[in-house]
Structures are given as C-alpha cells and as structure tokens.
Amino acid sequence: MAHILVVDDDPQLRTMLERVLVQMGHDVTQAEDGLAALNTVGTRPFAIAFVDLFMPTIDGLEVIPKLLFQSPDTKIVAMSGGVYGGKGVSLLTVAERLGAARTLAKPFGIDDIERILRELLNGSAT
C-alpha cells in the first residue's frame, strides 16, 4: 500500500482516481489545486502524486518543482491534455523536464494508472 496524493481542480476526476486507487489498496488524499497540494505535502510524505497541469491558483508546472523540493522522494505523475502557448509543445514534456517521473495524457484509463503504479512502486522510475 502506498500513500498517494491526487491534485486536480476537477472534483469528478479526483473522486474517480481516488476510487480506483483505493480499490487497488492505496491510501489517497485529495487536493483541489496546487496551493492545497503544497500545504498537504508539508503534513505527511507521499509515495506518488498525480498532478494536473491546468489548475487555478498555482498550476501543475509550478507545483512540480516545489513539491519535489518539499518531498524529494515523491514520484510525480503529471496529467494533462493541453499544449503550451499554442506552439505545439506538450505540457507533459515540460513536466518531465521539471521532474515528473511519469506522464498521463487525458483522457486515460484504469489500465494506464495500473501500469504507472506498477512501474513507480516496483522501483523502475527514472
């Protein structure tokens, strides 16, 4: 069992991810935006954080380096379906450069979550 943080401003996506992760046997904490995520990370360690990149207050691209500074052992999974500045640069590529261990393009399926968890929890994360 791992303690996992789910950060997304979409309450339906947060709830769906929590439900799936709990069914897989994990302990889950939700955060509705980047600020809440950074405040939560200060209270306990997380093995993995699923972080949306488009959020109000503090977006995911700002959250990733701050979260890693606060909790360097946390593996980050960046989630997005967008591009950066309309130039065709994937936000997920930017997230990887900022330290995300894995990325998930939205929409994604349960099999994608299972695969990423296996990779990260079995120590094959880069």
N, C-alpha and C. Protein backbone atom coordinates (compact mmCIF):
# COMPACT_ATOMS: atom_id res chain seq x y z
N MET A 1 0.84 -1.19 0.00
CA MET A 1 0.00 0.00 0.00
C MET A 1 0.88 1.24 0.00
N ALA A 2 0.50 2.21 -0.82
CA ALA A 2 1.21 3.48 -0.89
C ALA A 2 0.26 4.61 -0.53
N HIS A 3 0.85 5.68 0.00
CA HIS A 3 0.05 6.88 0.24
C HIS A 3 0.20 7.77 -0.99
N ILE A 4 -0.94 8.10 -1.62
CA ILE A 4 -0.95 8.81 -2.90
C ILE A 4 -1.75 10.10 -2.78
N LEU A 5 -1.18 11.17 -3.36
CA LEU A 5 -1.84 12.47 -3.42
C LEU A 5 -2.41 12.65 -4.82
N VAL A 6 -3.67 13.07 -4.91
CA VAL A 6 -4.32 13.35 -6.19
C VAL A 6 -4.65 14.84 -6.21
N VAL A 7 -4.04 15.56 -7.17
CA VAL A 7 -4.21 17.01 -7.27
C VAL A 7 -4.85 17.35 -8.60
N ASP A 8 -6.08 17.84 -8.55
CA ASP A 8 -6.79 18.23 -9.76
C ASP A 8 -7.94 19.14 -9.37
N ASP A 9 -8.22 20.16 -10.17
CA ASP A 9 -9.33 21.06 -9.86
C ASP A 9 -10.68 20.49 -10.28
N ASP A 10 -10.69 19.37 -10.97
CA ASP A 10 -11.93 18.71 -11.37
C ASP A 10 -12.32 17.69 -10.29
N PRO A 11 -13.37 17.99 -9.51
CA PRO A 11 -13.74 17.08 -8.42
C PRO A 11 -14.14 15.69 -8.90
N GLN A 12 -14.73 15.58 -10.09
CA GLN A 12 -15.11 14.26 -10.60
C GLN A 12 -13.88 13.41 -10.91
N LEU A 13 -12.86 14.02 -11.50
CA LEU A 13 -11.64 13.28 -11.79
C LEU A 13 -10.93 12.87 -10.50
N ARG A 14 -10.87 13.79 -9.53
CA ARG A 14 -10.24 13.46 -8.24
C ARG A 14 -10.95 12.29 -7.59
N THR A 15 -12.26 12.31 -7.58
CA THR A 15 -13.04 11.25 -6.95
C THR A 15 -12.87 9.93 -7.68
N MET A 16 -12.87 9.97 -9.02
CA MET A 16 -12.68 8.75 -9.81
C MET A 16 -11.31 8.15 -9.52
N LEU A 17 -10.27 8.99 -9.55
CA LEU A 17 -8.92 8.50 -9.27
C LEU A 17 -8.83 7.93 -7.86
N GLU A 18 -9.41 8.62 -6.90
CA GLU A 18 -9.38 8.12 -5.52
C GLU A 18 -10.05 6.75 -5.44
N ARG A 19 -11.21 6.62 -6.05
CA ARG A 19 -11.94 5.36 -6.02
C ARG A 19 -11.11 4.22 -6.60
N VAL A 20 -10.50 4.47 -7.75
CA VAL A 20 -9.67 3.44 -8.41
C VAL A 20 -8.47 3.09 -7.54
N LEU A 21 -7.79 4.09 -7.01
CA LEU A 21 -6.58 3.85 -6.21
C LEU A 21 -6.90 3.14 -4.90
N VAL A 22 -8.02 3.48 -4.28
CA VAL A 22 -8.42 2.81 -3.03
C VAL A 22 -8.76 1.35 -3.33
N GLN A 23 -9.45 1.08 -4.45
CA GLN A 23 -9.75 -0.30 -4.83
C GLN A 23 -8.47 -1.11 -5.06
N MET A 24 -7.40 -0.43 -5.45
CA MET A 24 -6.11 -1.09 -5.65
C MET A 24 -5.35 -1.25 -4.33
N GLY A 25 -5.93 -0.75 -3.24
CA GLY A 25 -5.33 -0.94 -1.93
C GLY A 25 -4.49 0.21 -1.41
N HIS A 26 -4.61 1.38 -2.03
CA HIS A 26 -3.80 2.52 -1.62
C HIS A 26 -4.58 3.50 -0.76
N ASP A 27 -3.85 4.29 0.00
CA ASP A 27 -4.40 5.37 0.82
C ASP A 27 -4.30 6.65 0.00
N VAL A 28 -5.38 7.41 -0.12
CA VAL A 28 -5.42 8.56 -1.02
C VAL A 28 -5.83 9.82 -0.27
N THR A 29 -5.14 10.91 -0.61
CA THR A 29 -5.50 12.25 -0.15
C THR A 29 -5.75 13.09 -1.39
N GLN A 30 -6.81 13.90 -1.36
CA GLN A 30 -7.13 14.78 -2.47
C GLN A 30 -6.73 16.21 -2.16
N ALA A 31 -6.35 16.95 -3.22
CA ALA A 31 -6.12 18.39 -3.13
C ALA A 31 -6.76 19.02 -4.36
N GLU A 32 -7.50 20.12 -4.17
CA GLU A 32 -8.26 20.72 -5.26
C GLU A 32 -7.46 21.69 -6.12
N ASP A 33 -6.26 22.05 -5.69
CA ASP A 33 -5.41 22.91 -6.51
C ASP A 33 -3.97 22.83 -6.01
N GLY A 34 -3.09 23.54 -6.69
CA GLY A 34 -1.67 23.47 -6.36
C GLY A 34 -1.33 23.97 -4.98
N LEU A 35 -2.00 25.02 -4.54
CA LEU A 35 -1.74 25.56 -3.20
C LEU A 35 -2.12 24.55 -2.13
N ALA A 36 -3.29 23.93 -2.27
CA ALA A 36 -3.71 22.90 -1.31
C ALA A 36 -2.74 21.72 -1.33
N ALA A 37 -2.24 21.37 -2.51
CA ALA A 37 -1.29 20.25 -2.62
C ALA A 37 -0.01 20.55 -1.86
N LEU A 38 0.53 21.74 -2.04
CA LEU A 38 1.78 22.09 -1.37
C LEU A 38 1.59 22.16 0.15
N ASN A 39 0.44 22.63 0.58
CA ASN A 39 0.15 22.64 2.02
C ASN A 39 0.01 21.22 2.57
N THR A 40 -0.56 20.33 1.80
CA THR A 40 -0.76 18.94 2.22
C THR A 40 0.56 18.18 2.28
N VAL A 41 1.45 18.42 1.32
CA VAL A 41 2.73 17.71 1.27
C VAL A 41 3.55 18.01 2.52
N GLY A 42 3.37 19.16 3.10
CA GLY A 42 4.10 19.51 4.32
C GLY A 42 3.64 18.73 5.54
N THR A 43 2.49 18.06 5.45
CA THR A 43 1.94 17.37 6.61
C THR A 43 2.29 15.89 6.69
N ARG A 44 2.59 15.27 5.55
CA ARG A 44 2.94 13.84 5.53
C ARG A 44 3.59 13.47 4.22
N PRO A 45 4.38 12.41 4.20
CA PRO A 45 5.04 12.00 2.95
C PRO A 45 4.07 11.25 2.04
N PHE A 46 4.29 11.40 0.76
CA PHE A 46 3.51 10.68 -0.26
C PHE A 46 4.48 9.91 -1.15
N ALA A 47 4.12 8.69 -1.49
CA ALA A 47 4.94 7.90 -2.41
C ALA A 47 4.79 8.44 -3.83
N ILE A 48 3.54 8.80 -4.18
CA ILE A 48 3.22 9.24 -5.53
C ILE A 48 2.25 10.41 -5.44
N ALA A 49 2.39 11.36 -6.38
CA ALA A 49 1.43 12.45 -6.50
C ALA A 49 0.99 12.54 -7.96
N PHE A 50 -0.30 12.39 -8.21
CA PHE A 50 -0.88 12.62 -9.52
C PHE A 50 -1.22 14.11 -9.58
N VAL A 51 -0.60 14.86 -10.49
CA VAL A 51 -0.75 16.32 -10.51
C VAL A 51 -1.24 16.78 -11.88
N ASP A 52 -2.40 17.43 -11.88
CA ASP A 52 -2.92 18.04 -13.09
C ASP A 52 -2.07 19.27 -13.40
N LEU A 53 -1.93 19.60 -14.67
CA LEU A 53 -1.11 20.74 -15.04
C LEU A 53 -1.89 22.03 -15.20
N PHE A 54 -3.17 21.96 -15.54
CA PHE A 54 -4.01 23.15 -15.65
C PHE A 54 -4.87 23.28 -14.40
N MET A 55 -4.50 24.22 -13.51
CA MET A 55 -5.28 24.44 -12.28
C MET A 55 -5.23 25.92 -11.92
N PRO A 56 -6.25 26.39 -11.21
CA PRO A 56 -6.20 27.78 -10.73
C PRO A 56 -5.22 27.92 -9.56
N THR A 57 -4.96 29.11 -9.17
CA THR A 57 -4.08 29.48 -8.05
C THR A 57 -2.63 29.17 -8.38
N ILE A 58 -2.23 27.93 -8.34
CA ILE A 58 -0.88 27.51 -8.71
C ILE A 58 -1.03 26.32 -9.64
N ASP A 59 -0.52 26.45 -10.87
CA ASP A 59 -0.69 25.35 -11.82
C ASP A 59 0.33 24.24 -11.56
N GLY A 60 0.12 23.13 -12.24
CA GLY A 60 0.95 21.95 -12.02
C GLY A 60 2.42 22.15 -12.37
N LEU A 61 2.70 22.98 -13.38
CA LEU A 61 4.09 23.21 -13.75
C LEU A 61 4.85 23.96 -12.65
N GLU A 62 4.14 24.73 -11.87
CA GLU A 62 4.75 25.40 -10.72
C GLU A 62 4.80 24.47 -9.51
N VAL A 63 3.81 23.61 -9.39
CA VAL A 63 3.73 22.68 -8.26
C VAL A 63 4.86 21.65 -8.30
N ILE A 64 5.17 21.12 -9.47
CA ILE A 64 6.13 20.01 -9.57
C ILE A 64 7.47 20.32 -8.89
N PRO A 65 8.18 21.40 -9.26
CA PRO A 65 9.47 21.63 -8.59
C PRO A 65 9.34 21.95 -7.11
N LYS A 66 8.26 22.64 -6.73
CA LYS A 66 8.06 22.96 -5.31
C LYS A 66 7.76 21.70 -4.51
N LEU A 67 6.94 20.83 -5.07
CA LEU A 67 6.62 19.59 -4.38
C LEU A 67 7.87 18.72 -4.23
N LEU A 68 8.67 18.64 -5.29
CA LEU A 68 9.90 17.86 -5.22
C LEU A 68 10.90 18.44 -4.24
N PHE A 69 10.91 19.76 -4.09
CA PHE A 69 11.78 20.40 -3.10
C PHE A 69 11.34 20.02 -1.69
N GLN A 70 10.03 20.04 -1.46
CA GLN A 70 9.48 19.69 -0.14
C GLN A 70 9.57 18.20 0.15
N SER A 71 9.41 17.40 -0.89
CA SER A 71 9.32 15.95 -0.71
C SER A 71 10.05 15.25 -1.86
N PRO A 72 11.39 15.23 -1.82
CA PRO A 72 12.16 14.71 -2.96
C PRO A 72 11.94 13.24 -3.29
N ASP A 73 11.40 12.46 -2.36
CA ASP A 73 11.16 11.04 -2.64
C ASP A 73 9.82 10.77 -3.30
N THR A 74 8.97 11.78 -3.40
CA THR A 74 7.66 11.61 -4.03
C THR A 74 7.83 11.52 -5.54
N LYS A 75 7.22 10.50 -6.13
CA LYS A 75 7.23 10.33 -7.58
C LYS A 75 6.00 11.06 -8.13
N ILE A 76 6.22 11.95 -9.09
CA ILE A 76 5.12 12.74 -9.64
C ILE A 76 4.67 12.19 -10.98
N VAL A 77 3.34 12.07 -11.11
CA VAL A 77 2.71 11.71 -12.36
C VAL A 77 1.95 12.94 -12.84
N ALA A 78 2.44 13.57 -13.90
CA ALA A 78 1.80 14.76 -14.45
C ALA A 78 0.66 14.35 -15.37
N MET A 79 -0.47 15.06 -15.26
CA MET A 79 -1.65 14.75 -16.07
C MET A 79 -2.08 15.99 -16.84
N SER A 80 -2.32 15.84 -18.15
CA SER A 80 -2.80 16.97 -18.94
C SER A 80 -3.26 16.51 -20.31
N GLY A 81 -4.02 17.36 -20.94
CA GLY A 81 -4.42 17.13 -22.31
C GLY A 81 -4.09 18.33 -23.17
N GLY A 82 -3.34 19.29 -22.62
CA GLY A 82 -3.10 20.55 -23.32
C GLY A 82 -1.71 20.72 -23.88
N VAL A 83 -1.55 21.83 -24.61
CA VAL A 83 -0.25 22.23 -25.14
C VAL A 83 0.14 23.57 -24.54
N TYR A 84 1.40 23.90 -24.62
CA TYR A 84 1.94 25.10 -24.01
C TYR A 84 1.99 26.24 -25.02
N GLY A 85 1.32 27.34 -24.71
CA GLY A 85 1.41 28.54 -25.51
C GLY A 85 0.97 28.39 -26.95
N GLY A 86 0.19 27.37 -27.25
CA GLY A 86 -0.28 27.20 -28.61
C GLY A 86 0.82 26.87 -29.62
N LYS A 87 2.01 26.58 -29.15
CA LYS A 87 3.14 26.32 -30.04
C LYS A 87 3.33 24.83 -30.31
N GLY A 88 2.44 24.00 -29.77
CA GLY A 88 2.54 22.57 -30.00
C GLY A 88 3.48 21.86 -29.05
N VAL A 89 4.01 22.57 -28.07
CA VAL A 89 4.88 21.94 -27.08
C VAL A 89 3.99 21.29 -26.03
N SER A 90 4.14 20.01 -25.85
CA SER A 90 3.31 19.31 -24.89
C SER A 90 3.65 19.73 -23.47
N LEU A 91 2.63 20.04 -22.70
CA LEU A 91 2.85 20.36 -21.29
C LEU A 91 3.43 19.16 -20.56
N LEU A 92 3.11 17.96 -21.02
CA LEU A 92 3.65 16.77 -20.38
C LEU A 92 5.17 16.67 -20.58
N THR A 93 5.65 17.10 -21.73
CA THR A 93 7.10 17.13 -21.96
C THR A 93 7.76 18.14 -21.02
N VAL A 94 7.14 19.29 -20.87
CA VAL A 94 7.66 20.31 -19.94
C VAL A 94 7.67 19.75 -18.52
N ALA A 95 6.60 19.05 -18.14
CA ALA A 95 6.51 18.46 -16.80
C ALA A 95 7.63 17.46 -16.55
N GLU A 96 7.96 16.65 -17.55
CA GLU A 96 9.06 15.69 -17.41
C GLU A 96 10.37 16.43 -17.17
N ARG A 97 10.58 17.52 -17.88
CA ARG A 97 11.80 18.31 -17.70
C ARG A 97 11.88 18.93 -16.32
N LEU A 98 10.73 19.15 -15.71
CA LEU A 98 10.68 19.72 -14.36
C LEU A 98 10.80 18.66 -13.27
N GLY A 99 10.78 17.37 -13.66
CA GLY A 99 10.98 16.32 -12.67
C GLY A 99 9.88 15.29 -12.54
N ALA A 100 8.83 15.37 -13.35
CA ALA A 100 7.78 14.35 -13.28
C ALA A 100 8.37 12.99 -13.68
N ALA A 101 8.07 11.97 -12.89
CA ALA A 101 8.57 10.62 -13.16
C ALA A 101 7.83 9.97 -14.31
N ARG A 102 6.55 10.25 -14.43
CA ARG A 102 5.71 9.71 -15.49
C ARG A 102 4.69 10.77 -15.89
N THR A 103 4.06 10.55 -17.06
CA THR A 103 3.01 11.45 -17.52
C THR A 103 1.80 10.64 -17.96
N LEU A 104 0.63 11.29 -17.87
CA LEU A 104 -0.63 10.69 -18.33
C LEU A 104 -1.34 11.72 -19.18
N ALA A 105 -1.57 11.39 -20.44
CA ALA A 105 -2.35 12.25 -21.31
C ALA A 105 -3.83 11.99 -21.05
N LYS A 106 -4.59 13.06 -20.85
CA LYS A 106 -6.03 12.93 -20.66
C LYS A 106 -6.69 12.83 -22.02
N PRO A 107 -7.71 12.01 -22.16
CA PRO A 107 -8.25 11.08 -21.17
C PRO A 107 -7.38 9.82 -21.07
N PHE A 108 -7.40 9.20 -19.91
CA PHE A 108 -6.64 7.98 -19.69
C PHE A 108 -7.54 6.95 -19.05
N GLY A 109 -7.08 5.70 -19.03
CA GLY A 109 -7.88 4.61 -18.50
C GLY A 109 -7.27 3.99 -17.25
N ILE A 110 -8.02 3.11 -16.65
CA ILE A 110 -7.57 2.42 -15.43
C ILE A 110 -6.30 1.62 -15.71
N ASP A 111 -6.21 1.01 -16.90
CA ASP A 111 -5.01 0.25 -17.22
C ASP A 111 -3.77 1.13 -17.25
N ASP A 112 -3.91 2.39 -17.65
CA ASP A 112 -2.79 3.33 -17.62
C ASP A 112 -2.34 3.61 -16.18
N ILE A 113 -3.31 3.77 -15.29
CA ILE A 113 -3.00 4.01 -13.88
C ILE A 113 -2.30 2.79 -13.29
N GLU A 114 -2.83 1.62 -13.56
CA GLU A 114 -2.21 0.38 -13.05
C GLU A 114 -0.77 0.22 -13.53
N ARG A 115 -0.54 0.48 -14.80
CA ARG A 115 0.80 0.35 -15.37
C ARG A 115 1.77 1.32 -14.70
N ILE A 116 1.37 2.55 -14.56
CA ILE A 116 2.25 3.56 -13.95
C ILE A 116 2.53 3.22 -12.49
N LEU A 117 1.53 2.78 -11.76
CA LEU A 117 1.75 2.41 -10.36
C LEU A 117 2.72 1.24 -10.24
N ARG A 118 2.56 0.24 -11.11
CA ARG A 118 3.50 -0.90 -11.10
C ARG A 118 4.92 -0.41 -11.34
N GLU A 119 5.10 0.45 -12.33
CA GLU A 119 6.43 0.96 -12.64
C GLU A 119 7.02 1.76 -11.48
N LEU A 120 6.24 2.64 -10.92
CA LEU A 120 6.77 3.51 -9.86
C LEU A 120 6.96 2.80 -8.54
N LEU A 121 6.06 1.91 -8.20
CA LEU A 121 6.15 1.23 -6.90
C LEU A 121 7.14 0.06 -6.92
N ASN A 122 7.47 -0.42 -8.11
CA ASN A 122 8.45 -1.51 -8.21
C ASN A 122 9.86 -0.99 -8.47
N GLY A 123 10.03 0.33 -8.38
CA GLY A 123 11.38 0.89 -8.46
C GLY A 123 11.94 1.09 -9.84
N SER A 124 11.11 1.03 -10.88
CA SER A 124 11.66 1.25 -12.22
C SER A 124 11.49 2.69 -12.68
N ALA A 125 11.16 3.59 -11.75
CA ALA A 125 11.03 5.00 -12.11
C ALA A 125 12.39 5.62 -12.37
N THR A 126 12.41 6.54 -13.31
CA THR A 126 13.66 7.22 -13.63
C THR A 126 13.85 8.44 -12.77
